[in-house]
Amino acid sequence: MYRVVCGYSSLHLGKWSDSHVKRYFDLPDQDSQAKYKPCSPELLAILGDNVKRIRKERGMSQEALADAAGMHRTFISLIERRGRNVTLGVVEALANALKVEVPDLLS
């Protein structure tokens, strides 16, 4: 039996098969889970530090950056505190909002 917990609520899925759960929640197969590797702490630190530094140089608040990038303020905070693994799309949106190139955020 599966139990999916989201915040303070949970959903009991009863006798759903593994394939039903994977398909419904778009979960990767066990074989493909090895392909999903989290980003290194060093790269997350570089990204977070660069986002924070450039944001402050531009005189932007986290909320202003979040609005410009189409994200939530708490997401920006997590990135700056190195607590969030991000996709390339997120890095690109941040670079566009900060008016820099993607490599500037990663080097």
C-alpha atoms as a PDB file:
ATOM      1  CA  MET A   1       0.000   0.000   0.000  1.00  0.00           C
ATOM      2  CA  TYR A   2       1.251   3.472  -0.858  1.00  0.00           C
ATOM      3  CA  ARG A   3       0.793   6.586   1.186  1.00  0.00           C
ATOM      4  CA  VAL A   4       1.699   9.896  -0.418  1.00  0.00           C
ATOM      5  CA  VAL A   5       2.339  12.731   1.998  1.00  0.00           C
ATOM      6  CA  CYS A   6       2.160  16.341   0.814  1.00  0.00           C
ATOM      7  CA  GLY A   7       2.511  18.931   3.554  1.00  0.00           C
ATOM      8  CA  TYR A   8       0.023  18.095   6.277  1.00  0.00           C
ATOM      9  CA  SER A   9      -2.279  15.937   4.203  1.00  0.00           C
ATOM     10  CA  SER A  10      -1.827  12.444   2.882  1.00  0.00           C
ATOM     11  CA  LEU A  11      -3.436  10.286   0.242  1.00  0.00           C
ATOM     12  CA  HIS A  12      -3.925   6.567   0.799  1.00  0.00           C
ATOM     13  CA  LEU A  13      -3.735   4.731  -2.495  1.00  0.00           C
ATOM     14  CA  GLY A  14      -4.889   1.353  -1.291  1.00  0.00           C
ATOM     15  CA  LYS A  15      -4.026  -1.516  -3.593  1.00  0.00           C
ATOM     16  CA  TRP A  16      -2.614   0.443  -6.518  1.00  0.00           C
ATOM     17  CA  SER A  17       0.068  -1.475  -8.335  1.00  0.00           C
ATOM     18  CA  ASP A  18       3.600  -0.112  -8.715  1.00  0.00           C
ATOM     19  CA  SER A  19       2.952   0.687 -12.371  1.00  0.00           C
ATOM     20  CA  HIS A  20      -0.216   2.656 -11.534  1.00  0.00           C
ATOM     21  CA  VAL A  21       1.612   4.729  -8.938  1.00  0.00           C
ATOM     22  CA  LYS A  22       4.594   5.383 -11.231  1.00  0.00           C
ATOM     23  CA  ARG A  23       2.339   6.384 -14.112  1.00  0.00           C
ATOM     24  CA  TYR A  24       0.029   8.597 -11.991  1.00  0.00           C
ATOM     25  CA  PHE A  25       2.811  10.405 -10.150  1.00  0.00           C
ATOM     26  CA  ASP A  26       5.307  10.289 -13.059  1.00  0.00           C
ATOM     27  CA  LEU A  27       7.918   8.451 -10.980  1.00  0.00           C
ATOM     28  CA  PRO A  28      11.058   7.070 -12.651  1.00  0.00           C
ATOM     29  CA  ASP A  29      11.577   3.315 -12.866  1.00  0.00           C
ATOM     30  CA  GLN A  30      14.136   1.844 -10.472  1.00  0.00           C
ATOM     31  CA  ASP A  31      16.457   1.182 -13.423  1.00  0.00           C
ATOM     32  CA  SER A  32      16.407   4.839 -14.457  1.00  0.00           C
ATOM     33  CA  GLN A  33      16.833   6.236 -10.922  1.00  0.00           C
ATOM     34  CA  ALA A  34      20.596   5.968 -11.295  1.00  0.00           C
ATOM     35  CA  LYS A  35      20.349   8.597 -14.052  1.00  0.00           C
ATOM     36  CA  TYR A  36      18.994  11.189 -11.596  1.00  0.00           C
ATOM     37  CA  LYS A  37      22.074  12.389  -9.775  1.00  0.00           C
ATOM     38  CA  PRO A  38      21.863  15.419  -7.497  1.00  0.00           C
ATOM     39  CA  CYS A  39      24.112  18.358  -8.199  1.00  0.00           C
ATOM     40  CA  SER A  40      27.402  18.537  -6.316  1.00  0.00           C
ATOM     41  CA  PRO A  41      27.440  20.720  -3.172  1.00  0.00           C
ATOM     42  CA  GLU A  42      30.295  22.723  -4.686  1.00  0.00           C
ATOM     43  CA  LEU A  43      28.290  23.652  -7.792  1.00  0.00           C
ATOM     44  CA  LEU A  44      25.229  24.487  -5.691  1.00  0.00           C
ATOM     45  CA  ALA A  45      27.441  26.767  -3.565  1.00  0.00           C
ATOM     46  CA  ILE A  46      28.815  28.531  -6.653  1.00  0.00           C
ATOM     47  CA  LEU A  47      25.319  29.024  -8.086  1.00  0.00           C
ATOM     48  CA  GLY A  48      23.832  30.219  -4.804  1.00  0.00           C
ATOM     49  CA  ASP A  49      26.684  32.620  -4.082  1.00  0.00           C
ATOM     50  CA  ASN A  50      26.614  34.053  -7.606  1.00  0.00           C
ATOM     51  CA  VAL A  51      22.842  34.532  -7.624  1.00  0.00           C
ATOM     52  CA  LYS A  52      22.984  36.339  -4.280  1.00  0.00           C
ATOM     53  CA  ARG A  53      25.996  38.489  -5.232  1.00  0.00           C
ATOM     54  CA  ILE A  54      24.610  39.545  -8.622  1.00  0.00           C
ATOM     55  CA  ARG A  55      21.128  40.138  -7.183  1.00  0.00           C
ATOM     56  CA  LYS A  56      22.575  42.471  -4.545  1.00  0.00           C
ATOM     57  CA  GLU A  57      24.786  44.235  -7.128  1.00  0.00           C
ATOM     58  CA  ARG A  58      21.613  44.917  -9.119  1.00  0.00           C
ATOM     59  CA  GLY A  59      19.853  46.207  -5.994  1.00  0.00           C
ATOM     60  CA  MET A  60      17.148  43.561  -6.275  1.00  0.00           C
ATOM     61  CA  SER A  61      15.309  41.905  -3.419  1.00  0.00           C
ATOM     62  CA  GLN A  62      14.644  38.167  -3.486  1.00  0.00           C
ATOM     63  CA  GLU A  63      11.014  38.979  -4.201  1.00  0.00           C
ATOM     64  CA  ALA A  64      11.907  41.214  -7.158  1.00  0.00           C
ATOM     65  CA  LEU A  65      14.174  38.508  -8.592  1.00  0.00           C
ATOM     66  CA  ALA A  66      11.483  35.885  -8.062  1.00  0.00           C
ATOM     67  CA  ASP A  67       8.921  38.024  -9.896  1.00  0.00           C
ATOM     68  CA  ALA A  68      11.320  38.696 -12.794  1.00  0.00           C
ATOM     69  CA  ALA A  69      12.194  34.984 -13.081  1.00  0.00           C
ATOM     70  CA  GLY A  70       8.628  33.710 -12.605  1.00  0.00           C
ATOM     71  CA  MET A  71       9.422  31.924  -9.339  1.00  0.00           C
ATOM     72  CA  HIS A  72       8.459  32.110  -5.678  1.00  0.00           C
ATOM     73  CA  ARG A  73      10.564  34.133  -3.247  1.00  0.00           C
ATOM     74  CA  THR A  74      11.183  31.128  -1.009  1.00  0.00           C
ATOM     75  CA  PHE A  75      12.581  29.220  -4.004  1.00  0.00           C
ATOM     76  CA  ILE A  76      15.135  32.011  -4.561  1.00  0.00           C
ATOM     77  CA  SER A  77      16.011  31.868  -0.866  1.00  0.00           C
ATOM     78  CA  LEU A  78      16.578  28.111  -1.051  1.00  0.00           C
ATOM     79  CA  ILE A  79      18.819  28.509  -4.098  1.00  0.00           C
ATOM     80  CA  GLU A  80      20.901  31.181  -2.372  1.00  0.00           C
ATOM     81  CA  ARG A  81      21.211  29.014   0.734  1.00  0.00           C
ATOM     82  CA  ARG A  82      22.303  26.047  -1.384  1.00  0.00           C
ATOM     83  CA  GLY A  83      19.276  24.059  -0.291  1.00  0.00           C
ATOM     84  CA  ARG A  84      17.726  23.429  -3.661  1.00  0.00           C
ATOM     85  CA  ASN A  85      18.801  21.382  -6.651  1.00  0.00           C
ATOM     86  CA  VAL A  86      17.736  23.222  -9.817  1.00  0.00           C
ATOM     87  CA  THR A  87      17.234  22.432 -13.480  1.00  0.00           C
ATOM     88  CA  LEU A  88      18.957  24.131 -16.392  1.00  0.00           C
ATOM     89  CA  GLY A  89      15.673  25.886 -17.141  1.00  0.00           C
ATOM     90  CA  VAL A  90      15.731  27.492 -13.697  1.00  0.00           C
ATOM     91  CA  VAL A  91      19.349  28.585 -14.165  1.00  0.00           C
ATOM     92  CA  GLU A  92      18.423  30.093 -17.539  1.00  0.00           C
ATOM     93  CA  ALA A  93      15.422  31.949 -16.057  1.00  0.00           C
ATOM     94  CA  LEU A  94      17.621  33.326 -13.260  1.00  0.00           C
ATOM     95  CA  ALA A  95      20.280  34.436 -15.756  1.00  0.00           C
ATOM     96  CA  ASN A  96      17.658  36.198 -17.875  1.00  0.00           C
ATOM     97  CA  ALA A  97      16.126  37.917 -14.843  1.00  0.00           C
ATOM     98  CA  LEU A  98      19.573  39.056 -13.656  1.00  0.00           C
ATOM     99  CA  LYS A  99      20.576  40.060 -17.224  1.00  0.00           C
ATOM    100  CA  VAL A 100      23.685  37.865 -17.245  1.00  0.00           C
ATOM    101  CA  GLU A 101      24.769  34.815 -19.217  1.00  0.00           C
ATOM    102  CA  VAL A 102      24.242  31.309 -17.790  1.00  0.00           C
ATOM    103  CA  PRO A 103      28.019  30.670 -17.416  1.00  0.00           C
ATOM    104  CA  ASP A 104      28.250  33.772 -15.192  1.00  0.00           C
ATOM    105  CA  LEU A 105      26.060  31.980 -12.640  1.00  0.00           C
ATOM    106  CA  LEU A 106      28.022  28.729 -12.772  1.00  0.00           C
ATOM    107  CA  SER A 107      31.624  29.958 -12.690  1.00  0.00           C
END
